[in-house]
Protein backbone atom coordinates (compact mmCIF):
# COMPACT_ATOMS: atom_id res chain seq x y z
CA UNK A 1 83.73 79.84 72.97
CA UNK A 2 82.52 76.12 72.36
CA UNK A 3 83.75 75.94 75.64
CA UNK A 4 81.69 78.74 77.20
CA UNK A 5 78.72 78.06 74.76
CA UNK A 6 78.03 74.51 76.60
CA UNK A 7 78.90 75.86 79.81
CA UNK A 8 75.55 78.13 79.02
CA UNK A 9 73.59 75.43 78.09
CA UNK A 10 73.71 73.58 81.26
CA UNK A 11 73.37 76.01 83.43
CA UNK A 12 70.17 76.70 81.41
CA UNK A 13 69.13 73.34 81.62
CA UNK A 14 70.22 72.95 85.27
CA UNK A 15 68.21 76.29 85.92
CA UNK A 16 65.31 74.26 84.14
CA UNK A 17 65.47 71.20 86.62
CA UNK A 18 66.22 72.38 89.29
CA UNK A 19 64.94 76.09 89.81
CA UNK A 20 66.45 78.48 92.97
CA UNK A 21 68.99 75.95 93.82
CA UNK A 22 70.87 75.84 90.53
CA UNK A 23 71.34 79.98 90.33
CA UNK A 24 72.30 79.53 94.32
CA UNK A 25 74.75 77.15 93.34
CA UNK A 26 75.88 79.01 90.70
CA UNK A 27 76.17 82.13 92.94
CA UNK A 28 78.57 81.27 94.95
CA UNK A 29 82.43 82.18 96.20
CA UNK A 30 85.69 81.18 94.17
CA UNK A 31 88.95 81.48 96.08
CA UNK A 32 92.12 81.78 94.05
CA UNK A 33 95.03 81.48 96.30
CA UNK A 34 98.76 82.76 94.46
CA UNK A 35 102.08 81.80 95.99
CA UNK A 36 104.29 84.96 96.02
CA UNK A 37 105.08 88.65 94.87
CA UNK A 38 108.11 87.75 93.51
CA UNK A 39 106.94 86.86 89.86
CA UNK A 40 104.84 89.58 88.80
CA UNK A 41 102.19 87.66 86.28
CA UNK A 42 100.18 86.85 89.37
CA UNK A 43 98.56 90.25 89.98
CA UNK A 44 99.29 91.57 85.90
CA UNK A 45 97.75 88.57 83.83
CA UNK A 46 96.91 85.39 86.55
CA UNK A 47 93.91 87.04 88.66
CA UNK A 48 92.70 89.89 86.33
CA UNK A 49 92.45 86.56 83.86
CA UNK A 50 91.10 85.36 86.03
CA UNK A 51 88.32 87.19 87.40
CA UNK A 52 87.59 88.81 83.95
CA UNK A 53 86.77 85.09 83.02
CA UNK A 54 84.37 84.60 85.70
CA UNK A 55 82.70 87.77 85.34
CA UNK A 56 81.86 86.02 82.04
CA UNK A 57 80.98 82.27 83.04
CA UNK A 58 79.54 83.48 86.45
CA UNK A 59 78.19 87.39 86.95
CA UNK A 60 76.77 86.50 90.31
CA UNK A 61 79.95 84.36 91.75
CA UNK A 62 81.60 85.95 94.28
CA UNK A 63 86.27 85.66 93.92
CA UNK A 64 88.30 86.66 97.08
CA UNK A 65 91.53 86.89 95.83
CA UNK A 66 94.73 86.52 98.30
CA UNK A 67 98.58 86.23 97.56
CA UNK A 68 100.61 84.43 100.07
CA UNK A 69 103.88 86.39 99.47
CA UNK A 70 105.84 83.15 99.46
CA UNK A 71 104.58 82.52 103.22
CA UNK A 72 104.00 78.92 103.82
CA UNK A 73 101.94 79.82 107.04
CA UNK A 74 100.03 83.18 105.79
CA UNK A 75 98.78 80.63 102.88
CA UNK A 76 97.20 78.71 105.50
CA UNK A 77 95.96 81.16 107.05
CA UNK A 78 94.35 82.35 103.30
CA UNK A 79 93.63 78.98 102.49
CA UNK A 80 91.55 78.38 105.93
CA UNK A 81 90.20 82.01 106.04
CA UNK A 82 88.25 81.43 101.89
CA UNK A 83 87.04 77.88 103.56
CA UNK A 84 85.85 80.23 106.52
CA UNK A 85 83.88 82.43 103.60
CA UNK A 86 82.69 79.77 102.47
CA UNK A 87 84.77 79.11 99.02
CA UNK A 88 83.45 76.55 97.19
CA UNK A 89 86.29 75.81 94.97
CA UNK A 90 89.49 76.88 95.58
CA UNK A 91 92.52 77.32 93.36
CA UNK A 92 95.54 76.91 94.60
CA UNK A 93 98.85 77.82 93.46
CA UNK A 94 100.90 76.21 96.73
CA UNK A 95 104.02 77.87 98.36
CA UNK A 96 104.91 74.35 99.13
CA UNK A 97 103.59 71.45 96.65
CA UNK A 98 104.63 69.10 100.27
CA UNK A 99 102.70 71.14 102.55
CA UNK A 100 99.87 71.74 100.21
CA UNK A 101 98.77 68.08 100.67
CA UNK A 102 97.00 68.70 104.47
CA UNK A 103 95.38 71.88 102.82
CA UNK A 104 93.42 69.31 100.00
CA UNK A 105 92.41 66.73 102.26
CA UNK A 106 91.18 69.18 104.19
CA UNK A 107 88.89 71.21 101.75
CA UNK A 108 87.69 68.34 100.08
CA UNK A 109 86.81 66.55 103.30
CA UNK A 110 84.38 69.44 103.78
CA UNK A 111 83.45 68.88 100.08
CA UNK A 112 85.55 71.78 98.48
CA UNK A 113 86.65 71.21 95.67
CA UNK A 114 91.02 71.98 94.70
CA UNK A 115 91.91 72.81 91.32
CA UNK A 116 96.12 73.37 91.49
CA UNK A 117 96.98 75.93 89.30
CA UNK A 118 100.79 76.24 87.89
CA UNK A 119 102.27 74.29 90.11
CA UNK A 120 101.12 70.74 91.07
CA UNK A 121 100.36 69.41 93.95
CA UNK A 122 102.00 65.21 93.48
CA UNK A 123 100.97 63.94 97.38
CA UNK A 124 97.66 63.59 97.49
CA UNK A 125 95.50 64.71 93.90
CA UNK A 126 93.80 67.49 93.70
CA UNK A 127 90.53 67.71 91.70
CA UNK A 128 91.56 68.77 88.56
CA UNK A 129 95.38 70.71 87.63
CA UNK A 130 95.47 72.92 85.60
CA UNK A 131 98.85 74.78 83.80
CA UNK A 132 101.67 75.09 81.24
CA UNK A 133 103.47 71.55 80.65
CA UNK A 134 106.44 72.60 82.83
CA UNK A 135 108.86 69.84 82.43
CA UNK A 136 107.95 70.69 78.41
CA UNK A 137 109.34 74.09 79.21
CA UNK A 138 112.93 73.44 80.78
CA UNK A 139 113.37 70.77 78.19
CA UNK A 140 112.49 73.62 75.88
CA UNK A 141 114.86 76.67 77.05
CA UNK A 142 117.68 74.21 77.75
CA UNK A 143 117.83 73.04 74.05
CA UNK A 144 117.01 76.39 72.66
CA UNK A 145 119.90 77.23 74.34
CA UNK A 146 122.50 74.42 73.70
CA UNK A 147 120.95 74.54 69.81
CA UNK A 148 121.94 78.28 69.89
CA UNK A 149 125.64 77.59 71.26
CA UNK A 150 126.47 74.77 68.57
CA UNK A 151 125.57 77.06 66.40
CA UNK A 152 127.31 79.60 67.23
CA UNK A 153 130.71 77.15 67.37
CA UNK A 154 131.15 76.65 71.27
CA UNK A 155 133.22 73.86 71.86
CA UNK A 156 132.34 70.51 72.83
CA UNK A 157 132.97 70.01 76.99
CA UNK A 158 131.99 74.15 77.50
CA UNK A 159 130.15 75.20 80.93
CA UNK A 160 126.79 76.34 81.29
CA UNK A 161 125.14 77.58 84.53
CA UNK A 162 122.00 75.83 85.89
CA UNK A 163 119.48 78.56 88.14
CA UNK A 164 116.04 75.87 88.83
CA UNK A 165 113.54 77.78 90.43
CA UNK A 166 111.90 77.13 94.47
CA UNK A 167 112.96 73.99 96.10
CA UNK A 168 109.46 73.59 97.54
CA UNK A 169 107.85 74.12 93.90
CA UNK A 170 106.87 71.07 92.46
CA UNK A 171 106.75 73.02 88.85
CA UNK A 172 110.73 74.40 89.21
CA UNK A 173 111.22 70.54 90.00
CA UNK A 174 109.45 69.73 86.23
CA UNK A 175 110.94 72.27 84.75
CA UNK A 176 114.07 71.06 86.85
CA UNK A 177 113.88 67.74 84.78
CA UNK A 178 112.93 69.12 81.58
CA UNK A 179 116.33 70.93 81.61
CA UNK A 180 118.24 68.22 82.96
CA UNK A 181 117.27 66.26 79.77
CA UNK A 182 118.33 68.37 77.38
CA UNK A 183 121.42 68.73 79.03
CA UNK A 184 121.91 66.10 79.94
CA UNK A 185 122.00 64.73 75.94
CA UNK A 186 123.92 67.55 74.97
CA UNK A 187 127.86 68.03 74.11
CA UNK A 188 128.07 70.40 77.07
CA UNK A 189 128.86 70.02 80.98
CA UNK A 190 126.79 71.75 84.41
CA UNK A 191 129.78 73.64 85.88
CA UNK A 192 127.45 74.23 89.13
CA UNK A 193 123.68 74.16 89.62
CA UNK A 194 121.80 76.31 92.07
CA UNK A 195 117.98 76.14 93.30
CA UNK A 196 117.04 79.44 93.72
CA UNK A 197 114.42 80.33 97.12
CA UNK A 198 111.72 81.47 96.47
CA UNK A 199 112.47 82.28 92.95
CA UNK A 200 114.34 85.90 94.04
CA UNK A 201 116.43 87.52 91.89
CA UNK A 202 118.73 88.05 94.35
CA UNK A 203 119.88 84.87 95.25
CA UNK A 204 120.00 84.08 91.95
CA UNK A 205 122.56 87.19 91.17
CA UNK A 206 124.29 85.74 94.26
CA UNK A 207 124.53 82.42 93.15
CA UNK A 208 126.21 83.80 89.79
CA UNK A 209 128.68 85.91 91.19
CA UNK A 210 129.84 83.72 93.11
CA UNK A 211 130.04 80.81 90.24
CA UNK A 212 131.87 84.22 87.73
CA UNK A 213 134.59 84.04 90.73
CA UNK A 214 134.44 80.25 90.59
CA UNK A 215 135.01 79.79 86.81
CA UNK A 216 135.42 82.93 85.16
CA UNK A 217 134.95 82.52 80.89
CA UNK A 218 134.81 79.27 81.68
CA UNK A 219 130.98 79.91 81.78
CA UNK A 220 129.78 79.83 77.87
CA UNK A 221 125.97 79.52 78.65
CA UNK A 222 123.21 79.97 81.52
CA UNK A 223 119.89 78.33 81.78
CA UNK A 224 117.68 80.03 83.78
CA UNK A 225 114.73 78.71 84.41
CA UNK A 226 112.22 81.77 84.75
CA UNK A 227 112.99 85.70 83.60
CA UNK A 228 113.59 86.17 87.58
CA UNK A 229 116.18 84.14 87.98
CA UNK A 230 117.53 85.22 84.54
CA UNK A 231 117.41 89.01 85.55
CA UNK A 232 119.21 88.44 88.59
CA UNK A 233 122.07 86.29 86.55
CA UNK A 234 122.37 88.97 83.93
CA UNK A 235 122.80 91.81 86.28
CA UNK A 236 125.68 89.53 88.25
CA UNK A 237 127.25 89.19 84.65
CA UNK A 238 127.26 93.24 84.23
CA UNK A 239 128.16 93.89 87.04
CA UNK A 240 131.66 91.86 86.84
CA UNK A 241 132.36 93.15 83.77
CA UNK A 242 131.68 90.08 81.20
CA UNK A 243 131.26 91.04 77.79
CA UNK A 244 129.92 89.76 75.84
CA UNK A 245 127.84 88.61 77.93
CA UNK A 246 126.56 84.57 77.70
CA UNK A 247 123.28 83.39 76.67
CA UNK A 248 120.67 82.90 79.11
CA UNK A 249 117.29 81.35 79.35
CA UNK A 250 113.47 82.93 80.71
CA UNK A 251 110.79 82.07 81.35
CA UNK A 252 107.25 83.80 81.93
CA UNK A 253 108.14 86.21 79.08
CA UNK A 254 107.73 89.22 81.31
CA UNK A 255 107.92 92.85 79.97
CA UNK A 256 111.72 93.49 81.40
CA UNK A 257 112.94 90.20 80.05
CA UNK A 258 111.21 90.90 76.55
CA UNK A 259 112.92 94.04 76.63
CA UNK A 260 116.41 92.75 77.43
CA UNK A 261 115.87 90.07 74.63
CA UNK A 262 115.61 93.02 72.82
CA UNK A 263 118.47 94.38 73.44
CA UNK A 264 120.58 91.75 72.88
CA UNK A 265 121.37 90.88 76.72
CA UNK A 266 118.98 87.70 77.17
CA UNK A 267 118.67 84.78 75.02
CA UNK A 268 115.54 83.61 75.15
CA UNK A 269 112.09 83.19 76.91
CA UNK A 270 108.60 81.17 76.94
CA UNK A 271 105.87 82.94 75.30
CA UNK A 272 102.75 81.28 78.01
CA UNK A 273 99.88 84.24 78.33
CA UNK A 274 98.94 83.35 81.51
CA UNK A 275 95.90 84.03 81.21
CA UNK A 276 95.20 81.02 79.07
CA UNK A 277 95.38 78.65 82.38
CA UNK A 278 93.75 80.90 84.33
CA UNK A 279 90.36 80.73 81.46
CA UNK A 280 90.80 77.76 81.54
CA UNK A 281 90.70 77.72 85.80
CA UNK A 282 87.58 79.75 85.45
CA UNK A 283 86.23 77.17 83.24
CA UNK A 284 86.90 73.97 85.63
CA UNK A 285 85.27 76.41 88.83
CA UNK A 286 82.51 76.76 87.36
CA UNK A 287 82.01 72.91 86.20
CA UNK A 288 82.49 72.36 90.03
CA UNK A 289 80.09 74.42 90.84
CA UNK A 290 77.55 72.89 88.68
CA UNK A 291 78.30 69.10 89.35
CA UNK A 292 79.85 68.44 86.47
CA UNK A 293 83.01 66.77 86.36
CA UNK A 294 85.09 68.54 84.05
CA UNK A 295 87.47 66.24 80.42
CA UNK A 296 90.86 65.08 81.90
CA UNK A 297 93.24 65.99 78.82
CA UNK A 298 95.68 64.39 80.70
CA UNK A 299 96.87 63.39 84.01
CA UNK A 300 99.66 64.37 86.26
CA UNK A 301 100.06 62.86 89.42
CA UNK A 302 97.14 61.15 89.73
CA UNK A 303 95.15 64.66 88.83
CA UNK A 304 93.12 64.90 85.78
CA UNK A 305 94.76 68.06 84.22
CA UNK A 306 94.55 70.02 81.17
CA UNK A 307 98.13 71.05 80.41
CA UNK A 308 98.73 73.77 77.72
CA UNK A 309 102.16 74.07 75.56
CA UNK A 310 103.63 77.01 74.73
CA UNK A 311 106.17 78.55 72.58
CA UNK A 312 109.81 79.40 73.05
CA UNK A 313 110.66 83.41 72.04
CA UNK A 314 113.75 84.43 70.80
CA UNK A 315 115.51 88.04 69.53
CA UNK A 316 114.23 86.64 65.91
CA UNK A 317 110.39 85.61 66.66
CA UNK A 318 109.60 87.78 69.18
CA UNK A 319 107.75 90.26 66.82
CA UNK A 320 105.75 87.69 65.40
CA UNK A 321 105.27 85.38 68.81
CA UNK A 322 104.76 88.76 71.02
CA UNK A 323 103.85 91.96 69.34
CA UNK A 324 102.07 90.38 66.09
CA UNK A 325 99.69 87.88 68.71
CA UNK A 326 98.79 91.06 70.85
CA UNK A 327 100.41 89.65 73.61
CA UNK A 328 102.04 92.74 74.68
CA UNK A 329 102.06 95.98 72.90
CA UNK A 330 104.97 98.06 71.44
CA UNK A 331 104.01 100.83 73.82
CA UNK A 332 104.49 98.84 76.48
CA UNK A 333 107.76 97.16 75.78
CA UNK A 334 110.14 100.03 73.46
CA UNK A 335 110.22 102.78 76.13
CA UNK A 336 113.04 104.99 75.45
CA UNK A 337 115.88 102.82 75.75
CA UNK A 338 114.68 100.04 74.17
CA UNK A 339 113.12 102.34 70.83
CA UNK A 340 116.21 101.66 68.08
CA UNK A 341 116.76 97.82 69.06
CA UNK A 342 112.75 97.46 68.72
CA UNK A 343 112.86 99.61 65.47
CA UNK A 344 115.77 97.55 64.07
CA UNK A 345 113.81 94.31 64.77
CA UNK A 346 110.38 95.87 62.90
CA UNK A 347 108.33 95.90 66.11
CA UNK A 348 108.17 100.22 65.70
CA UNK A 349 108.56 101.77 62.74
């Protein structure tokens, strides 16, 4: 509430001092460019959250939304297009973090601000970066798995699979670094590791199937970097008749993953309501439109940043973290086949 009031106050002062020029600057165009459709969060959470926040903060602003569907060339075309359409701020979640460096340079040369969103752009500092703490996410999900395996009596030296995200995604690299930190400090060994192209669940499923053929019962856990890759791994394990399933991590708290956790098929995920980051991006975008310099809460890759700390969700705390906080409703998640385990967990009466 405080940030919104301060923005409103700043707007009023600017309008009084500058008259029509301030209003015209606020009635600007802002672009919101997302990387792929394999992660359902962009259409379901991120863009609706950003759009709602922009409508509240800058009712006269025009918001352009595009999704590159994991195509680097398409995202470059979309970026060029929104600049041509007069975007003054571009919120960019890059398909390829390295390739995005050129886009940042091009935009900044034309006075356009770039907010790196979710995935950082290491090679060239954007004007701001807003995300969850991706390295912290990787370390949290892997440490949660390690602690669970230890509590379940899985012996030292047992093996886990590591399924990372896209090799072109710098955020995936940070998640991988966090996973490595937790696994390297544990008593367990990594049997095999895979970078999943475009975060595609079928690729994760294919990799897992191959490792089941290779390692069989040696697989005592799977650290998957997000819920999509986790779902692919679980599908491969089920197809191979593995029973009981080893614990599998995730990240994003998608509805499908929450259902898998409730059913006991997935061990954990990360609750990171994307609307939080989307609203922060909108606040930063509007500050840029007003000529302000948003406060840096931290710095990453020489870029002023704000990184949010998410919560690990397991079957034990899913009711408190997801349903009691209103992140999802029982009606959305506890469909017919999940009704009984939802009742068991107290999510449904």
